[in-house]
N, C-alpha and C. Protein backbone atom coordinates (compact mmCIF):
# COMPACT_ATOMS: atom_id res chain seq x y z
N MET A 1 -3.76 -18.47 0.55
CA MET A 1 -2.59 -17.66 0.85
C MET A 1 -3.00 -16.52 1.78
N ASN A 2 -2.14 -16.21 2.69
CA ASN A 2 -2.37 -15.15 3.66
C ASN A 2 -1.80 -13.84 3.10
N THR A 3 -2.68 -12.85 2.90
CA THR A 3 -2.29 -11.61 2.21
C THR A 3 -2.49 -10.39 3.10
N LEU A 4 -1.50 -9.50 3.09
CA LEU A 4 -1.57 -8.22 3.79
C LEU A 4 -1.61 -7.09 2.78
N PHE A 5 -2.57 -6.20 2.95
CA PHE A 5 -2.60 -4.94 2.22
C PHE A 5 -2.20 -3.86 3.20
N ILE A 6 -1.09 -3.20 2.94
CA ILE A 6 -0.61 -2.18 3.85
C ILE A 6 -0.43 -0.86 3.10
N GLY A 7 -1.23 0.11 3.50
CA GLY A 7 -1.15 1.43 2.90
C GLY A 7 -0.46 2.38 3.84
N TYR A 8 0.16 3.40 3.27
CA TYR A 8 0.82 4.39 4.12
C TYR A 8 0.79 5.75 3.46
N GLY A 9 0.81 6.77 4.30
CA GLY A 9 0.75 8.15 3.85
C GLY A 9 0.06 9.00 4.90
N ASN A 10 -0.07 10.28 4.62
CA ASN A 10 -0.66 11.21 5.58
C ASN A 10 -2.01 11.71 5.06
N PRO A 11 -3.11 11.22 5.62
CA PRO A 11 -4.44 11.63 5.16
C PRO A 11 -4.75 13.10 5.40
N ASP A 12 -3.98 13.78 6.22
CA ASP A 12 -4.17 15.21 6.44
C ASP A 12 -3.44 16.05 5.39
N ARG A 13 -2.79 15.40 4.43
CA ARG A 13 -2.06 16.09 3.37
C ARG A 13 -2.60 15.68 2.00
N GLN A 14 -3.91 15.79 1.86
CA GLN A 14 -4.62 15.53 0.61
C GLN A 14 -4.22 14.21 -0.02
N ASP A 15 -3.61 14.24 -1.20
CA ASP A 15 -3.35 13.04 -1.99
C ASP A 15 -2.34 12.10 -1.35
N ASP A 16 -1.59 12.57 -0.38
CA ASP A 16 -0.65 11.68 0.32
C ASP A 16 -1.41 10.58 1.05
N GLY A 17 -2.68 10.79 1.34
CA GLY A 17 -3.50 9.79 2.03
C GLY A 17 -4.29 8.89 1.11
N VAL A 18 -3.98 8.86 -0.18
CA VAL A 18 -4.76 8.06 -1.13
C VAL A 18 -4.78 6.58 -0.76
N ALA A 19 -3.74 6.07 -0.13
CA ALA A 19 -3.69 4.65 0.21
C ALA A 19 -4.86 4.25 1.10
N TRP A 20 -5.23 5.11 2.04
CA TRP A 20 -6.37 4.79 2.92
C TRP A 20 -7.64 4.62 2.09
N HIS A 21 -7.83 5.48 1.12
CA HIS A 21 -9.02 5.40 0.26
C HIS A 21 -9.01 4.12 -0.57
N VAL A 22 -7.86 3.75 -1.07
CA VAL A 22 -7.74 2.51 -1.85
C VAL A 22 -8.06 1.32 -0.96
N LEU A 23 -7.50 1.27 0.24
CA LEU A 23 -7.72 0.13 1.13
C LEU A 23 -9.19 0.02 1.55
N THR A 24 -9.81 1.14 1.91
CA THR A 24 -11.20 1.06 2.36
C THR A 24 -12.13 0.68 1.21
N ASN A 25 -11.84 1.17 0.01
CA ASN A 25 -12.66 0.78 -1.15
C ASN A 25 -12.47 -0.69 -1.50
N LEU A 26 -11.25 -1.18 -1.39
CA LEU A 26 -10.99 -2.59 -1.66
C LEU A 26 -11.68 -3.47 -0.61
N ALA A 27 -11.58 -3.08 0.65
CA ALA A 27 -12.25 -3.84 1.71
C ALA A 27 -13.76 -3.86 1.49
N SER A 28 -14.33 -2.74 1.10
CA SER A 28 -15.77 -2.68 0.81
C SER A 28 -16.12 -3.60 -0.36
N GLN A 29 -15.28 -3.60 -1.39
CA GLN A 29 -15.52 -4.47 -2.54
C GLN A 29 -15.52 -5.94 -2.14
N LEU A 30 -14.75 -6.27 -1.10
CA LEU A 30 -14.69 -7.64 -0.61
C LEU A 30 -15.81 -7.93 0.40
N GLY A 31 -16.70 -6.96 0.59
CA GLY A 31 -17.85 -7.16 1.48
C GLY A 31 -17.57 -6.88 2.94
N LEU A 32 -16.47 -6.22 3.24
CA LEU A 32 -16.12 -5.92 4.62
C LEU A 32 -16.63 -4.52 4.99
N GLU A 33 -17.01 -4.37 6.25
CA GLU A 33 -17.48 -3.07 6.73
C GLU A 33 -16.28 -2.20 7.10
N THR A 34 -16.28 -0.96 6.62
CA THR A 34 -15.16 -0.06 6.90
C THR A 34 -15.64 1.17 7.63
N SER A 35 -14.71 1.89 8.20
CA SER A 35 -14.97 3.11 8.94
C SER A 35 -14.80 4.32 8.01
N THR A 36 -15.26 5.45 8.47
CA THR A 36 -15.06 6.69 7.71
C THR A 36 -13.85 7.46 8.21
N SER A 37 -13.13 6.92 9.19
CA SER A 37 -11.95 7.59 9.75
C SER A 37 -10.71 6.73 9.58
N TRP A 38 -9.65 7.34 9.10
CA TRP A 38 -8.39 6.61 8.93
C TRP A 38 -7.79 6.21 10.27
N GLU A 39 -8.25 6.81 11.35
CA GLU A 39 -7.70 6.48 12.67
C GLU A 39 -8.29 5.19 13.25
N ASP A 40 -9.38 4.71 12.67
CA ASP A 40 -9.99 3.45 13.11
C ASP A 40 -9.28 2.28 12.43
N PRO A 41 -9.24 1.13 13.10
CA PRO A 41 -8.62 -0.04 12.46
C PRO A 41 -9.39 -0.45 11.21
N LEU A 42 -8.68 -0.95 10.24
CA LEU A 42 -9.31 -1.48 9.04
C LEU A 42 -9.76 -2.91 9.29
N PRO A 43 -10.75 -3.38 8.55
CA PRO A 43 -11.26 -4.74 8.76
C PRO A 43 -10.30 -5.79 8.22
N SER A 44 -10.53 -7.00 8.63
CA SER A 44 -9.79 -8.14 8.12
C SER A 44 -10.78 -9.26 7.84
N ALA A 45 -10.39 -10.19 7.01
CA ALA A 45 -11.18 -11.37 6.70
C ALA A 45 -10.22 -12.55 6.69
N PRO A 46 -10.74 -13.75 6.75
CA PRO A 46 -9.82 -14.90 6.70
C PRO A 46 -8.93 -14.83 5.46
N GLY A 47 -7.64 -14.81 5.67
CA GLY A 47 -6.68 -14.78 4.58
C GLY A 47 -6.33 -13.41 4.05
N THR A 48 -7.06 -12.38 4.49
CA THR A 48 -6.80 -11.02 4.00
C THR A 48 -6.82 -10.03 5.16
N THR A 49 -5.73 -9.31 5.32
CA THR A 49 -5.60 -8.32 6.40
C THR A 49 -5.32 -6.96 5.79
N PHE A 50 -5.92 -5.92 6.35
CA PHE A 50 -5.71 -4.55 5.90
C PHE A 50 -5.09 -3.75 7.03
N ALA A 51 -4.13 -2.89 6.70
CA ALA A 51 -3.50 -2.02 7.69
C ALA A 51 -3.14 -0.70 7.03
N PHE A 52 -3.30 0.39 7.78
CA PHE A 52 -2.91 1.71 7.28
C PHE A 52 -2.04 2.38 8.33
N HIS A 53 -0.93 2.98 7.87
CA HIS A 53 0.01 3.65 8.76
C HIS A 53 0.45 4.98 8.12
N LEU A 54 0.92 5.87 8.94
CA LEU A 54 1.43 7.14 8.43
C LEU A 54 2.74 6.95 7.67
N GLN A 55 3.53 5.97 8.08
CA GLN A 55 4.79 5.67 7.41
C GLN A 55 5.19 4.24 7.71
N LEU A 56 6.09 3.71 6.92
CA LEU A 56 6.64 2.38 7.18
C LEU A 56 7.72 2.50 8.26
N THR A 57 7.76 1.50 9.14
CA THR A 57 8.75 1.50 10.22
C THR A 57 9.43 0.13 10.31
N PRO A 58 10.64 0.07 10.84
CA PRO A 58 11.35 -1.21 10.95
C PRO A 58 10.58 -2.26 11.75
N GLU A 59 9.80 -1.83 12.72
CA GLU A 59 9.04 -2.77 13.55
C GLU A 59 8.03 -3.59 12.76
N MET A 60 7.67 -3.14 11.58
CA MET A 60 6.70 -3.85 10.74
C MET A 60 7.27 -5.12 10.11
N ALA A 61 8.58 -5.23 10.06
CA ALA A 61 9.22 -6.38 9.39
C ALA A 61 8.76 -7.71 9.98
N GLU A 62 8.63 -7.79 11.28
CA GLU A 62 8.22 -9.05 11.91
C GLU A 62 6.83 -9.47 11.45
N ASP A 63 5.87 -8.54 11.49
CA ASP A 63 4.51 -8.87 11.04
C ASP A 63 4.48 -9.21 9.56
N ILE A 64 5.15 -8.41 8.75
CA ILE A 64 5.15 -8.62 7.30
C ILE A 64 5.72 -10.00 6.95
N SER A 65 6.73 -10.44 7.69
CA SER A 65 7.36 -11.72 7.39
C SER A 65 6.44 -12.91 7.63
N THR A 66 5.33 -12.71 8.32
CA THR A 66 4.40 -13.82 8.59
C THR A 66 3.38 -14.02 7.47
N PHE A 67 3.36 -13.13 6.49
CA PHE A 67 2.40 -13.23 5.39
C PHE A 67 3.04 -13.90 4.16
N ASP A 68 2.18 -14.52 3.35
CA ASP A 68 2.64 -15.11 2.09
C ASP A 68 2.81 -14.04 1.02
N ARG A 69 1.92 -13.03 1.06
CA ARG A 69 1.93 -11.97 0.06
C ARG A 69 1.63 -10.64 0.73
N VAL A 70 2.25 -9.58 0.21
CA VAL A 70 2.03 -8.23 0.74
C VAL A 70 1.85 -7.27 -0.42
N CYS A 71 0.82 -6.43 -0.31
CA CYS A 71 0.60 -5.36 -1.29
C CYS A 71 0.75 -4.04 -0.56
N PHE A 72 1.80 -3.30 -0.90
CA PHE A 72 2.00 -1.96 -0.37
C PHE A 72 1.23 -0.98 -1.25
N VAL A 73 0.62 0.03 -0.63
CA VAL A 73 -0.13 1.04 -1.39
C VAL A 73 0.34 2.41 -0.93
N ASP A 74 0.70 3.29 -1.89
CA ASP A 74 1.22 4.60 -1.56
C ASP A 74 0.94 5.56 -2.72
N ALA A 75 1.18 6.83 -2.47
CA ALA A 75 1.07 7.88 -3.49
C ALA A 75 2.45 8.12 -4.10
N HIS A 76 2.47 8.57 -5.36
CA HIS A 76 3.71 9.05 -5.96
C HIS A 76 3.45 10.44 -6.53
N THR A 77 4.53 11.16 -6.79
CA THR A 77 4.40 12.58 -7.11
C THR A 77 4.70 12.94 -8.56
N GLY A 78 4.72 11.97 -9.45
CA GLY A 78 4.92 12.31 -10.85
C GLY A 78 6.24 11.84 -11.42
N ASN A 79 7.12 11.30 -10.60
CA ASN A 79 8.37 10.77 -11.12
C ASN A 79 8.14 9.42 -11.80
N ILE A 80 6.92 8.91 -11.70
CA ILE A 80 6.51 7.68 -12.37
C ILE A 80 5.53 8.09 -13.46
N PRO A 81 5.71 7.62 -14.69
CA PRO A 81 4.87 8.11 -15.78
C PRO A 81 3.40 7.68 -15.70
N ASP A 82 3.11 6.52 -15.11
CA ASP A 82 1.74 6.03 -15.04
C ASP A 82 0.99 6.63 -13.86
N ASN A 83 -0.29 6.91 -14.05
CA ASN A 83 -1.11 7.42 -12.95
C ASN A 83 -1.29 6.38 -11.86
N VAL A 84 -1.47 5.13 -12.25
CA VAL A 84 -1.55 4.02 -11.30
C VAL A 84 -0.56 2.97 -11.79
N GLN A 85 0.35 2.61 -10.92
CA GLN A 85 1.38 1.65 -11.29
C GLN A 85 1.37 0.49 -10.31
N LEU A 86 1.50 -0.72 -10.82
CA LEU A 86 1.63 -1.91 -10.01
C LEU A 86 2.94 -2.58 -10.40
N VAL A 87 3.85 -2.72 -9.45
CA VAL A 87 5.16 -3.32 -9.72
C VAL A 87 5.48 -4.38 -8.69
N GLU A 88 6.19 -5.41 -9.14
CA GLU A 88 6.69 -6.43 -8.23
C GLU A 88 7.86 -5.85 -7.44
N LEU A 89 7.99 -6.26 -6.20
CA LEU A 89 9.07 -5.78 -5.35
C LEU A 89 9.98 -6.93 -4.94
N ALA A 90 11.23 -6.60 -4.69
CA ALA A 90 12.21 -7.56 -4.19
C ALA A 90 12.97 -6.88 -3.06
N PRO A 91 13.51 -7.66 -2.13
CA PRO A 91 14.31 -7.06 -1.07
C PRO A 91 15.49 -6.30 -1.64
N GLU A 92 15.72 -5.12 -1.10
CA GLU A 92 16.86 -4.31 -1.56
C GLU A 92 17.26 -3.35 -0.45
N TYR A 93 18.52 -3.42 -0.07
CA TYR A 93 19.02 -2.46 0.90
C TYR A 93 19.14 -1.11 0.21
N GLN A 94 18.55 -0.09 0.81
CA GLN A 94 18.58 1.25 0.25
C GLN A 94 18.90 2.25 1.35
N THR A 95 19.63 3.25 1.00
CA THR A 95 19.87 4.33 1.95
C THR A 95 19.00 5.51 1.53
N SER A 96 18.73 6.39 2.47
CA SER A 96 17.90 7.55 2.18
C SER A 96 18.49 8.78 2.84
N PRO A 97 18.41 9.92 2.17
CA PRO A 97 18.88 11.15 2.79
C PRO A 97 17.92 11.63 3.89
N PHE A 98 16.75 11.02 3.95
CA PHE A 98 15.76 11.39 4.96
C PHE A 98 15.84 10.41 6.12
N THR A 99 15.82 10.90 7.33
CA THR A 99 15.97 10.02 8.48
C THR A 99 14.74 9.19 8.75
N HIS A 100 13.58 9.62 8.32
CA HIS A 100 12.35 8.87 8.59
C HIS A 100 11.72 8.37 7.30
N HIS A 101 12.52 7.76 6.44
CA HIS A 101 12.01 7.25 5.18
C HIS A 101 12.47 5.81 5.00
N LEU A 102 11.52 4.89 4.96
CA LEU A 102 11.81 3.48 4.78
C LEU A 102 11.00 2.99 3.59
N THR A 103 11.66 2.38 2.61
CA THR A 103 10.96 1.91 1.42
C THR A 103 10.43 0.49 1.65
N PRO A 104 9.44 0.08 0.86
CA PRO A 104 8.98 -1.30 0.96
C PRO A 104 10.11 -2.30 0.68
N GLU A 105 10.98 -1.98 -0.29
CA GLU A 105 12.10 -2.88 -0.60
C GLU A 105 13.03 -3.05 0.59
N MET A 106 13.29 -1.97 1.31
CA MET A 106 14.14 -2.06 2.50
C MET A 106 13.46 -2.87 3.59
N LEU A 107 12.17 -2.70 3.74
CA LEU A 107 11.41 -3.46 4.73
C LEU A 107 11.46 -4.96 4.38
N LEU A 108 11.35 -5.29 3.10
CA LEU A 108 11.48 -6.69 2.69
C LEU A 108 12.89 -7.22 2.95
N SER A 109 13.89 -6.37 2.76
CA SER A 109 15.26 -6.75 3.06
C SER A 109 15.43 -7.06 4.54
N MET A 110 14.76 -6.29 5.38
CA MET A 110 14.80 -6.55 6.82
C MET A 110 14.12 -7.87 7.14
N CYS A 111 13.01 -8.18 6.48
CA CYS A 111 12.34 -9.48 6.67
C CYS A 111 13.30 -10.62 6.36
N ASP A 112 14.02 -10.47 5.27
CA ASP A 112 14.97 -11.49 4.85
C ASP A 112 16.12 -11.63 5.85
N SER A 113 16.70 -10.52 6.24
CA SER A 113 17.85 -10.55 7.16
C SER A 113 17.48 -11.04 8.55
N LEU A 114 16.36 -10.57 9.06
CA LEU A 114 15.98 -10.88 10.44
C LEU A 114 15.20 -12.18 10.60
N TYR A 115 14.36 -12.51 9.63
CA TYR A 115 13.44 -13.65 9.78
C TYR A 115 13.62 -14.71 8.70
N GLU A 116 14.57 -14.47 7.78
CA GLU A 116 14.86 -15.39 6.70
C GLU A 116 13.61 -15.80 5.94
N ARG A 117 12.75 -14.83 5.74
CA ARG A 117 11.49 -15.06 5.03
C ARG A 117 11.09 -13.78 4.33
N VAL A 118 10.75 -13.88 3.04
CA VAL A 118 10.32 -12.72 2.27
C VAL A 118 9.02 -13.08 1.56
N PRO A 119 7.95 -12.38 1.87
CA PRO A 119 6.70 -12.65 1.15
C PRO A 119 6.77 -12.12 -0.28
N GLU A 120 5.94 -12.69 -1.15
CA GLU A 120 5.74 -12.11 -2.47
C GLU A 120 5.20 -10.71 -2.24
N ALA A 121 5.69 -9.71 -2.97
CA ALA A 121 5.27 -8.33 -2.67
C ALA A 121 5.13 -7.51 -3.94
N ILE A 122 4.15 -6.60 -3.89
CA ILE A 122 3.95 -5.62 -4.95
C ILE A 122 3.73 -4.25 -4.31
N LEU A 123 3.86 -3.24 -5.15
CA LEU A 123 3.53 -1.87 -4.76
C LEU A 123 2.52 -1.33 -5.75
N VAL A 124 1.40 -0.86 -5.23
CA VAL A 124 0.43 -0.12 -6.04
C VAL A 124 0.65 1.35 -5.70
N SER A 125 1.06 2.09 -6.69
CA SER A 125 1.40 3.50 -6.49
C SER A 125 0.43 4.37 -7.30
N VAL A 126 -0.16 5.36 -6.63
CA VAL A 126 -1.19 6.21 -7.24
C VAL A 126 -0.66 7.64 -7.31
N ARG A 127 -0.85 8.27 -8.45
CA ARG A 127 -0.36 9.64 -8.69
C ARG A 127 -1.09 10.63 -7.81
N GLY A 128 -0.33 11.38 -7.03
CA GLY A 128 -0.87 12.47 -6.25
C GLY A 128 -0.57 13.80 -6.92
N TYR A 129 -1.48 14.73 -6.81
CA TYR A 129 -1.32 16.04 -7.45
C TYR A 129 -1.29 17.19 -6.45
N GLU A 130 -2.01 17.04 -5.34
CA GLU A 130 -2.09 18.13 -4.37
C GLU A 130 -1.76 17.58 -2.98
N PHE A 131 -0.91 18.30 -2.26
CA PHE A 131 -0.43 17.84 -0.96
C PHE A 131 -0.57 18.93 0.09
N GLY A 132 -1.67 19.67 0.00
CA GLY A 132 -1.95 20.73 0.96
C GLY A 132 -2.46 20.16 2.27
N PHE A 133 -2.77 21.04 3.20
CA PHE A 133 -3.25 20.62 4.51
C PHE A 133 -4.77 20.48 4.48
N GLU A 134 -5.24 19.43 3.80
CA GLU A 134 -6.65 19.10 3.72
C GLU A 134 -6.81 17.60 3.81
N GLU A 135 -8.01 17.15 4.20
CA GLU A 135 -8.26 15.73 4.32
C GLU A 135 -8.86 15.11 3.06
N ASN A 136 -9.32 15.92 2.12
CA ASN A 136 -9.94 15.39 0.90
C ASN A 136 -8.91 15.20 -0.19
N LEU A 137 -9.13 14.16 -1.01
CA LEU A 137 -8.26 13.96 -2.17
C LEU A 137 -8.57 15.01 -3.23
N SER A 138 -7.57 15.35 -4.04
CA SER A 138 -7.83 16.21 -5.19
C SER A 138 -8.75 15.44 -6.14
N PRO A 139 -9.51 16.14 -6.96
CA PRO A 139 -10.43 15.46 -7.88
C PRO A 139 -9.74 14.43 -8.78
N PHE A 140 -8.57 14.76 -9.34
CA PHE A 140 -7.93 13.82 -10.26
C PHE A 140 -7.44 12.58 -9.53
N THR A 141 -6.79 12.74 -8.39
CA THR A 141 -6.33 11.57 -7.64
C THR A 141 -7.52 10.76 -7.15
N GLY A 142 -8.57 11.42 -6.72
CA GLY A 142 -9.79 10.71 -6.32
C GLY A 142 -10.33 9.84 -7.44
N SER A 143 -10.20 10.31 -8.67
CA SER A 143 -10.70 9.54 -9.82
C SER A 143 -9.83 8.31 -10.11
N LEU A 144 -8.63 8.25 -9.55
CA LEU A 144 -7.72 7.12 -9.78
C LEU A 144 -7.92 5.98 -8.78
N VAL A 145 -8.67 6.23 -7.72
CA VAL A 145 -8.86 5.22 -6.67
C VAL A 145 -9.47 3.95 -7.24
N THR A 146 -10.48 4.08 -8.08
CA THR A 146 -11.15 2.90 -8.64
C THR A 146 -10.17 2.03 -9.42
N GLU A 147 -9.34 2.64 -10.25
CA GLU A 147 -8.35 1.87 -11.01
C GLU A 147 -7.36 1.17 -10.08
N ALA A 148 -6.91 1.86 -9.04
CA ALA A 148 -5.97 1.25 -8.09
C ALA A 148 -6.62 0.06 -7.39
N VAL A 149 -7.88 0.19 -7.01
CA VAL A 149 -8.60 -0.91 -6.36
C VAL A 149 -8.72 -2.09 -7.32
N GLU A 150 -9.06 -1.82 -8.57
CA GLU A 150 -9.17 -2.89 -9.57
C GLU A 150 -7.85 -3.62 -9.76
N ARG A 151 -6.75 -2.88 -9.82
CA ARG A 151 -5.43 -3.50 -10.00
C ARG A 151 -5.06 -4.36 -8.80
N ALA A 152 -5.28 -3.83 -7.59
CA ALA A 152 -4.97 -4.58 -6.37
C ALA A 152 -5.86 -5.81 -6.25
N HIS A 153 -7.14 -5.67 -6.56
CA HIS A 153 -8.07 -6.80 -6.50
C HIS A 153 -7.68 -7.87 -7.52
N GLY A 154 -7.28 -7.45 -8.71
CA GLY A 154 -6.83 -8.40 -9.73
C GLY A 154 -5.64 -9.22 -9.24
N TRP A 155 -4.72 -8.56 -8.57
CA TRP A 155 -3.56 -9.26 -8.02
C TRP A 155 -3.99 -10.22 -6.91
N LEU A 156 -4.96 -9.80 -6.10
CA LEU A 156 -5.42 -10.64 -4.99
C LEU A 156 -6.05 -11.94 -5.50
N VAL A 157 -6.89 -11.84 -6.50
CA VAL A 157 -7.62 -13.04 -6.95
C VAL A 157 -6.84 -13.86 -7.97
N ALA A 158 -5.92 -13.26 -8.70
CA ALA A 158 -5.14 -13.98 -9.71
C ALA A 158 -3.80 -13.29 -9.86
N PRO A 159 -2.91 -13.44 -8.87
CA PRO A 159 -1.67 -12.65 -8.86
C PRO A 159 -0.83 -12.76 -10.13
N LYS A 160 -0.75 -13.89 -10.74
CA LYS A 160 0.09 -14.03 -11.93
C LYS A 160 -0.60 -13.49 -13.17
N ALA A 161 -1.93 -13.36 -13.12
CA ALA A 161 -2.67 -12.86 -14.28
C ALA A 161 -2.78 -11.34 -14.26
N ALA A 162 -2.49 -10.72 -13.11
CA ALA A 162 -2.60 -9.26 -13.01
C ALA A 162 -1.53 -8.62 -13.88
N GLU A 163 -1.89 -7.57 -14.56
CA GLU A 163 -0.93 -6.86 -15.40
C GLU A 163 0.04 -6.11 -14.50
N LEU A 164 1.31 -6.30 -14.72
CA LEU A 164 2.33 -5.67 -13.90
C LEU A 164 3.08 -4.64 -14.74
N ALA A 165 2.44 -3.50 -14.96
CA ALA A 165 3.10 -2.45 -15.74
C ALA A 165 2.79 -1.10 -15.18
């Protein structure tokens, strides 16, 4: 199966950039060489592609529709009770009061509407605590990266066996 790991957030805003850390650690776990800068492209391997962006955009729908499975990775701010959450996603049209906010569900809805294809998709969401103007993760969010990598890796190697809670 062809799988895309796509993380998004702002690495210059502390924990908002946790997705980049999750992706680079997962790529390293898979034996791929990674960079120390979020501005460099992430590695890929046969069947597994990694991408990091500051935000999701409508233009991504075409690329996403070509994959069998997609794992979105992002930070959350506490409105979710779990520190690391893995949930299945389905296409859903959503509106937002923010002009530059696109959810993974909306992106999947665009895949369905435009390309009549929706990959299996999950979201790995990691609790962020500090969102200041720094490039380092807060200590607590940094400690959650390993768990997020383990959850994403579990889904990659045995998607139906991964715990979805």
